[in-house]
Amino acid sequence: MPFTILVTRDYEHVSDVAGRRVQRAIAAGLKMQDEYVLGLATGSSPVGLYRRLAAAANRGAFDSERLRSFNLDEYVGLPGENAQQRTMHPESYCSFMTHNLFALFDRPPRRFELPWANVIDQPALIHELNSHPGDWKRVGRDEGQAIVIRRDARSKYLRWVRNRILDGYPRLIRKAGGVDLQILGVGGRGHIAFHEAGIPFRLGGLLLVELESSTIRHAVEDGHFPSAAQTPHYALTMSIALVFKARQVVLLANGARKRAAVGRAVLEPPSAALPVSYCQTYAARGGELTWVVDEVAAADLLANRKAVRARGVTLRDLRKR
């Protein structure tokens, strides 16, 4: 499973190294194609990278108007009486991306997409799930689980969610030619986006997920919502299988909360209990994978360099540069 892990000093160094790498990939890609497709993540990990990308585009390093992007995930059940209000909510990922990337470009990207979670009315969704138990099933071995809706669901509403929203987003990605480069962060339990621990790798496409309590708790602890009761309990997310269809992946991790997940993702066999560990399968199948991590998140890897090398992984220490 050959791939490279770049170890940096701290968050700003992570952002510098990853920013240069992504910038070079975009510039090279735009020499060969009219449009470059990015996969984008939310959360604190890529914010510094996004600032650097926008600054690079604004000084002419690449043409931001020839970018297109697809985001990984979005909450279902944000406060608001309609889809517009939910989309404009300050904790929506649309708002996050606008503030942290899209509004920073002097010339905005050609088109950007997020999963269409805000058109789902959460009370209606819950009512239909409760009223039609035969139309769906929970899939997963842990608390956070995928809600898999039958394509031929009897509920018209659930059938619309499945056919129009869950199946529609991957269709749009395929129509765009797929993702050229996917930017990822990793959660403390090793989850990618809202593909929670224990959800099988075999599930593809866009998933409707009932969130686990630790995800909800961290959303409150990080100041995004005032309480667990006011935090959305559902989300739409790209599945691991869809995420890792990208032609290139740059994965970011920093801080002590990510240390265990980073170490296990490299030193242990792939397991749905640790979604980020699928990166090994991706690399083994020929995907171009680069991790950029700070020294705190990389501590277990640095302490086990021989074992890392034995797994075919290149560990490059950039801390003195």
Protein backbone atom coordinates (compact mmCIF):
# COMPACT_ATOMS: atom_id res chain seq x y z
CA MET A 1 0.00 0.00 0.00
CA PRO A 2 2.52 2.65 -1.09
CA PHE A 3 1.69 6.19 -0.04
CA THR A 4 3.47 9.13 1.59
CA ILE A 5 3.07 10.74 5.00
CA LEU A 6 4.54 14.23 5.41
CA VAL A 7 5.21 15.12 9.04
CA THR A 8 5.15 18.83 9.84
CA ARG A 9 5.68 21.01 12.90
CA ASP A 10 2.20 22.37 13.58
CA TYR A 11 -1.12 23.38 12.04
CA GLU A 12 0.30 26.30 10.07
CA HIS A 13 3.02 24.10 8.66
CA VAL A 14 0.40 21.45 7.73
CA SER A 15 -1.53 24.16 5.88
CA ASP A 16 1.59 25.47 4.10
CA VAL A 17 2.73 22.03 2.91
CA ALA A 18 -0.73 20.85 1.89
CA GLY A 19 -1.56 24.18 0.28
CA ARG A 20 1.49 24.07 -1.97
CA ARG A 21 0.78 20.48 -2.92
CA VAL A 22 -2.84 21.15 -3.86
CA GLN A 23 -1.93 24.36 -5.68
CA ARG A 24 0.61 22.52 -7.83
CA ALA A 25 -1.89 19.77 -8.63
CA ILE A 26 -4.52 22.30 -9.72
CA ALA A 27 -2.09 24.25 -11.89
CA ALA A 28 -0.82 21.07 -13.54
CA GLY A 29 -4.34 19.76 -14.09
CA LEU A 30 -5.54 22.98 -15.70
CA LYS A 31 -2.75 22.72 -18.27
CA MET A 32 -4.34 19.53 -19.55
CA GLN A 33 -8.07 20.10 -19.01
CA ASP A 34 -10.57 22.93 -19.09
CA GLU A 35 -11.98 22.30 -15.61
CA TYR A 36 -10.46 20.94 -12.40
CA VAL A 37 -12.76 19.21 -9.91
CA LEU A 38 -12.02 19.44 -6.21
CA GLY A 39 -13.60 17.44 -3.42
CA LEU A 40 -13.87 19.62 -0.33
CA ALA A 41 -14.16 18.98 3.39
CA THR A 42 -15.39 21.18 6.21
CA GLY A 43 -14.08 21.35 9.78
CA SER A 44 -11.00 23.09 11.15
CA SER A 45 -8.41 20.91 9.39
CA PRO A 46 -8.57 22.44 5.87
CA VAL A 47 -9.26 26.09 6.80
CA GLY A 48 -5.61 27.15 6.63
CA LEU A 49 -5.17 25.29 3.34
CA TYR A 50 -8.24 27.05 1.91
CA ARG A 51 -6.85 30.48 2.80
CA ARG A 52 -3.63 29.63 0.99
CA LEU A 53 -5.45 28.30 -2.08
CA ALA A 54 -7.52 31.45 -2.43
CA ALA A 55 -4.44 33.64 -2.00
CA ALA A 56 -2.58 31.63 -4.65
CA ALA A 57 -5.45 31.96 -7.12
CA ASN A 58 -5.76 35.69 -6.45
CA ARG A 59 -2.09 36.24 -7.29
CA GLY A 60 -2.48 34.27 -10.55
CA ALA A 61 -1.09 30.84 -9.67
CA PHE A 62 -4.15 29.22 -11.29
CA ASP A 63 -7.52 30.25 -12.70
CA SER A 64 -10.14 29.87 -9.95
CA GLU A 65 -12.94 30.36 -12.49
CA ARG A 66 -12.03 26.98 -13.96
CA LEU A 67 -12.56 25.16 -10.66
CA ARG A 68 -15.58 23.06 -9.78
CA SER A 69 -16.13 21.48 -6.39
CA PHE A 70 -18.20 18.91 -4.54
CA ASN A 71 -18.44 18.95 -0.77
CA LEU A 72 -18.46 15.81 1.32
CA ASP A 73 -21.43 16.37 3.59
CA GLU A 74 -24.14 18.55 5.08
CA TYR A 75 -26.40 18.46 8.12
CA VAL A 76 -30.05 17.44 7.90
CA GLY A 77 -32.25 19.27 10.39
CA LEU A 78 -30.63 22.68 10.75
CA PRO A 79 -32.97 25.32 12.20
CA GLY A 80 -35.13 27.07 9.62
CA GLU A 81 -38.62 26.99 8.17
CA ASN A 82 -37.48 26.26 4.63
CA ALA A 83 -34.50 25.14 2.59
CA GLN A 84 -33.25 28.68 2.03
CA GLN A 85 -33.16 29.47 5.74
CA ARG A 86 -31.42 26.17 6.51
CA THR A 87 -28.84 26.79 3.80
CA MET A 88 -28.12 30.27 5.16
CA HIS A 89 -27.86 29.08 8.77
CA PRO A 90 -24.42 30.03 10.16
CA GLU A 91 -23.67 26.38 10.97
CA SER A 92 -24.58 25.06 7.54
CA TYR A 93 -21.65 23.78 5.56
CA CYS A 94 -22.69 26.06 2.73
CA SER A 95 -22.09 29.01 5.06
CA PHE A 96 -18.82 27.48 6.22
CA MET A 97 -17.52 27.04 2.69
CA THR A 98 -18.61 30.52 1.63
CA HIS A 99 -16.86 32.14 4.59
CA ASN A 100 -13.70 30.01 4.54
CA LEU A 101 -13.10 29.60 0.81
CA PHE A 102 -15.55 30.73 -1.85
CA ALA A 103 -15.80 34.36 -0.71
CA LEU A 104 -12.00 34.61 -0.54
CA PHE A 105 -11.56 34.25 -4.30
CA ASP A 106 -11.39 37.44 -6.35
CA ARG A 107 -12.97 35.38 -9.13
CA PRO A 108 -15.28 32.67 -7.76
CA PRO A 109 -15.19 29.06 -8.98
CA ARG A 110 -17.30 28.02 -11.92
CA ARG A 111 -19.66 25.95 -9.79
CA PHE A 112 -19.75 24.41 -6.35
CA GLU A 113 -22.06 21.74 -4.99
CA LEU A 114 -22.99 20.43 -1.55
CA PRO A 115 -25.25 17.47 -0.78
CA TRP A 116 -28.83 18.67 -0.94
CA ALA A 117 -29.59 18.07 2.72
CA ASN A 118 -31.37 21.36 3.29
CA VAL A 119 -34.27 20.49 1.01
CA ILE A 120 -35.11 17.62 3.40
CA ASP A 121 -37.61 18.59 6.07
CA GLN A 122 -36.44 16.73 9.18
CA PRO A 123 -39.87 16.40 10.87
CA ALA A 124 -41.28 14.99 7.62
CA LEU A 125 -38.33 12.63 7.31
CA ILE A 126 -38.74 11.33 10.87
CA HIS A 127 -42.50 10.94 10.40
CA GLU A 128 -42.04 8.91 7.22
CA LEU A 129 -39.32 6.74 8.76
CA ASN A 130 -41.57 5.98 11.72
CA SER A 131 -44.63 5.38 9.53
CA HIS A 132 -42.90 3.09 7.01
CA PRO A 133 -40.44 0.83 8.86
CA GLY A 134 -40.38 -1.61 5.96
CA ASP A 135 -39.02 1.04 3.60
CA TRP A 136 -35.60 1.29 5.22
CA LYS A 137 -33.06 -0.31 7.54
CA ARG A 138 -30.21 0.81 9.77
CA VAL A 139 -26.78 -0.42 8.74
CA GLY A 140 -23.71 -0.19 10.96
CA ARG A 141 -22.04 -1.84 13.92
CA ASP A 142 -21.76 1.21 16.14
CA GLU A 143 -24.00 4.00 17.35
CA GLY A 144 -23.81 6.11 14.18
CA GLN A 145 -25.63 4.24 11.43
CA ALA A 146 -26.58 4.64 7.79
CA ILE A 147 -30.30 4.78 7.04
CA VAL A 148 -30.62 2.73 3.85
CA ILE A 149 -33.88 3.50 2.03
CA ARG A 150 -35.30 1.02 -0.44
CA ARG A 151 -35.32 2.28 -4.01
CA ASP A 152 -38.96 1.11 -4.30
CA ALA A 153 -40.04 2.51 -0.92
CA ARG A 154 -43.82 2.75 -0.49
CA SER A 155 -43.45 6.19 1.09
CA LYS A 156 -43.41 8.74 -1.69
CA TYR A 157 -41.28 11.07 0.46
CA LEU A 158 -38.66 8.44 1.30
CA ARG A 159 -38.58 7.31 -2.33
CA TRP A 160 -37.92 10.91 -3.36
CA VAL A 161 -35.09 11.22 -0.81
CA ARG A 162 -33.50 8.03 -2.12
CA ASN A 163 -33.92 8.56 -5.85
CA ARG A 164 -33.54 12.31 -6.16
CA ILE A 165 -31.11 13.24 -3.37
CA LEU A 166 -29.07 10.18 -2.38
CA ASP A 167 -28.70 8.88 -5.94
CA GLY A 168 -28.69 12.32 -7.57
CA TYR A 169 -25.47 13.65 -6.03
CA PRO A 170 -23.22 10.79 -7.25
CA ARG A 171 -24.81 11.15 -10.70
CA LEU A 172 -23.77 14.80 -10.73
CA ILE A 173 -20.20 13.89 -9.75
CA ARG A 174 -20.01 11.29 -12.53
CA LYS A 175 -21.37 13.81 -15.04
CA ALA A 176 -18.57 16.18 -14.03
CA GLY A 177 -16.02 13.47 -14.81
CA GLY A 178 -15.27 12.55 -11.20
CA VAL A 179 -13.17 14.30 -8.56
CA ASP A 180 -9.59 15.12 -9.55
CA LEU A 181 -8.34 15.82 -6.01
CA GLN A 182 -10.12 15.20 -2.72
CA ILE A 183 -9.17 17.18 0.39
CA LEU A 184 -9.97 15.31 3.61
CA GLY A 185 -9.74 15.76 7.35
CA VAL A 186 -10.04 12.92 9.82
CA GLY A 187 -12.30 12.79 12.87
CA GLY A 188 -11.18 11.79 16.33
CA ARG A 189 -12.73 8.33 15.98
CA GLY A 190 -11.27 7.94 12.52
CA HIS A 191 -14.42 8.94 10.67
CA ILE A 192 -14.35 10.70 7.30
CA ALA A 193 -17.04 13.35 6.92
CA PHE A 194 -20.15 11.74 8.49
CA HIS A 195 -19.27 8.20 7.43
CA GLU A 196 -19.29 7.11 11.06
CA ALA A 197 -17.31 4.30 12.63
CA GLY A 198 -18.90 0.91 11.95
CA ILE A 199 -20.71 1.81 8.73
CA PRO A 200 -19.60 -0.83 6.18
CA PHE A 201 -17.24 0.13 3.39
CA ARG A 202 -19.49 -1.69 0.91
CA LEU A 203 -22.16 1.02 1.12
CA GLY A 204 -21.62 3.36 -1.81
CA GLY A 205 -23.01 6.64 -3.03
CA LEU A 206 -24.39 9.35 -0.79
CA LEU A 207 -25.57 8.20 2.64
CA LEU A 208 -28.25 9.38 5.03
CA VAL A 209 -26.69 8.92 8.48
CA GLU A 210 -28.05 9.02 12.00
CA LEU A 211 -25.16 10.60 13.89
CA GLU A 212 -23.47 9.03 16.89
CA SER A 213 -23.43 10.76 20.25
CA SER A 214 -19.69 11.56 20.13
CA THR A 215 -20.16 13.48 16.86
CA ILE A 216 -23.02 15.44 18.42
CA ARG A 217 -21.01 16.02 21.62
CA HIS A 218 -17.99 17.30 19.70
CA ALA A 219 -20.23 19.68 17.72
CA VAL A 220 -21.33 21.18 21.04
CA GLU A 221 -17.82 21.15 22.58
CA ASP A 222 -16.41 22.90 19.53
CA GLY A 223 -19.00 25.65 19.89
CA HIS A 224 -21.09 24.95 16.79
CA PHE A 225 -24.36 24.36 18.66
CA PRO A 226 -25.49 25.36 22.18
CA SER A 227 -26.65 21.89 23.22
CA ALA A 228 -27.08 18.31 22.00
CA ALA A 229 -30.84 18.88 21.71
CA GLN A 230 -30.23 21.75 19.27
CA THR A 231 -27.66 19.84 17.21
CA PRO A 232 -28.85 18.05 14.06
CA HIS A 233 -29.00 14.28 14.56
CA TYR A 234 -28.93 13.39 10.86
CA ALA A 235 -26.65 14.25 7.96
CA LEU A 236 -25.95 13.45 4.34
CA THR A 237 -22.43 12.30 3.58
CA MET A 238 -20.39 10.82 0.80
CA SER A 239 -19.68 7.21 1.64
CA ILE A 240 -16.10 6.04 2.00
CA ALA A 241 -16.51 4.21 -1.32
CA LEU A 242 -17.54 7.45 -3.05
CA VAL A 243 -14.90 9.61 -1.33
CA PHE A 244 -12.07 7.37 -2.45
CA LYS A 245 -13.08 7.36 -6.10
CA ALA A 246 -11.08 10.58 -6.40
CA ARG A 247 -7.98 10.34 -8.54
CA GLN A 248 -5.86 11.95 -5.83
CA VAL A 249 -6.42 12.38 -2.08
CA VAL A 250 -4.71 14.77 0.35
CA LEU A 251 -5.57 13.91 3.94
CA LEU A 252 -4.91 16.35 6.81
CA ALA A 253 -4.62 15.69 10.54
CA ASN A 254 -3.35 17.72 13.46
CA GLY A 255 -3.57 17.66 17.22
CA ALA A 256 -3.76 15.10 19.99
CA ARG A 257 -7.38 14.16 19.28
CA LYS A 258 -6.32 12.70 15.92
CA ARG A 259 -3.23 10.81 17.15
CA ALA A 260 -4.82 7.41 17.76
CA ALA A 261 -6.80 7.45 14.51
CA VAL A 262 -3.72 8.38 12.46
CA GLY A 263 -1.59 5.67 14.03
CA ARG A 264 -4.19 2.93 13.72
CA ALA A 265 -5.07 3.89 10.13
CA VAL A 266 -1.52 3.09 9.05
CA LEU A 267 -0.38 0.38 11.47
CA GLU A 268 -3.54 -1.77 11.63
CA PRO A 269 -5.44 -3.58 8.84
CA PRO A 270 -8.35 -1.70 7.24
CA SER A 271 -11.56 -1.93 9.22
CA ALA A 272 -14.97 -0.29 9.04
CA ALA A 273 -14.51 0.44 12.75
CA LEU A 274 -11.97 3.05 11.62
CA PRO A 275 -13.24 4.53 8.33
CA VAL A 276 -10.02 6.43 7.52
CA SER A 277 -8.18 3.09 7.38
CA TYR A 278 -9.78 2.57 3.95
CA CYS A 279 -6.95 4.77 2.70
CA GLN A 280 -4.81 1.62 2.68
CA THR A 281 -7.18 -0.07 0.23
CA TYR A 282 -7.28 3.07 -1.91
CA ALA A 283 -3.49 3.25 -2.11
CA ALA A 284 -3.17 -0.50 -2.76
CA ARG A 285 -5.50 -0.10 -5.74
CA GLY A 286 -3.30 2.61 -7.23
CA GLY A 287 -4.83 5.77 -5.79
CA GLU A 288 -2.46 8.69 -5.23
CA LEU A 289 -2.58 9.36 -1.50
CA THR A 290 -0.67 11.87 0.61
CA TRP A 291 -1.10 12.49 4.34
CA VAL A 292 0.01 15.82 5.79
CA VAL A 293 0.07 15.65 9.59
CA ASP A 294 1.62 17.59 12.44
CA GLU A 295 4.06 15.98 14.85
CA VAL A 296 1.43 15.56 17.56
CA ALA A 297 -0.97 13.61 15.35
CA ALA A 298 1.98 11.64 13.94
CA ALA A 299 3.45 10.68 17.34
CA ASP A 300 2.55 6.98 17.10
CA LEU A 301 3.97 6.78 13.58
CA LEU A 302 7.20 8.50 14.58
CA ALA A 303 7.55 6.06 17.48
CA ASN A 304 7.08 3.10 15.12
CA ARG A 305 9.05 4.11 12.04
CA LYS A 306 10.23 0.58 11.30
CA ALA A 307 6.67 -0.78 11.33
CA VAL A 308 5.53 2.08 9.09
CA ARG A 309 8.26 1.32 6.55
CA ALA A 310 7.42 -2.39 6.71
CA ARG A 311 3.92 -1.54 5.49
CA GLY A 312 5.35 0.17 2.41
CA VAL A 313 4.61 3.69 3.62
CA THR A 314 7.08 6.56 3.07
CA LEU A 315 7.41 8.75 6.15
CA ARG A 316 9.03 12.10 5.37
CA ASP A 317 9.97 14.37 8.24
CA LEU A 318 9.66 18.03 7.18
CA ARG A 319 9.86 19.58 10.64
CA LYS A 320 13.28 21.17 10.13
CA ARG A 321 12.39 22.76 6.81
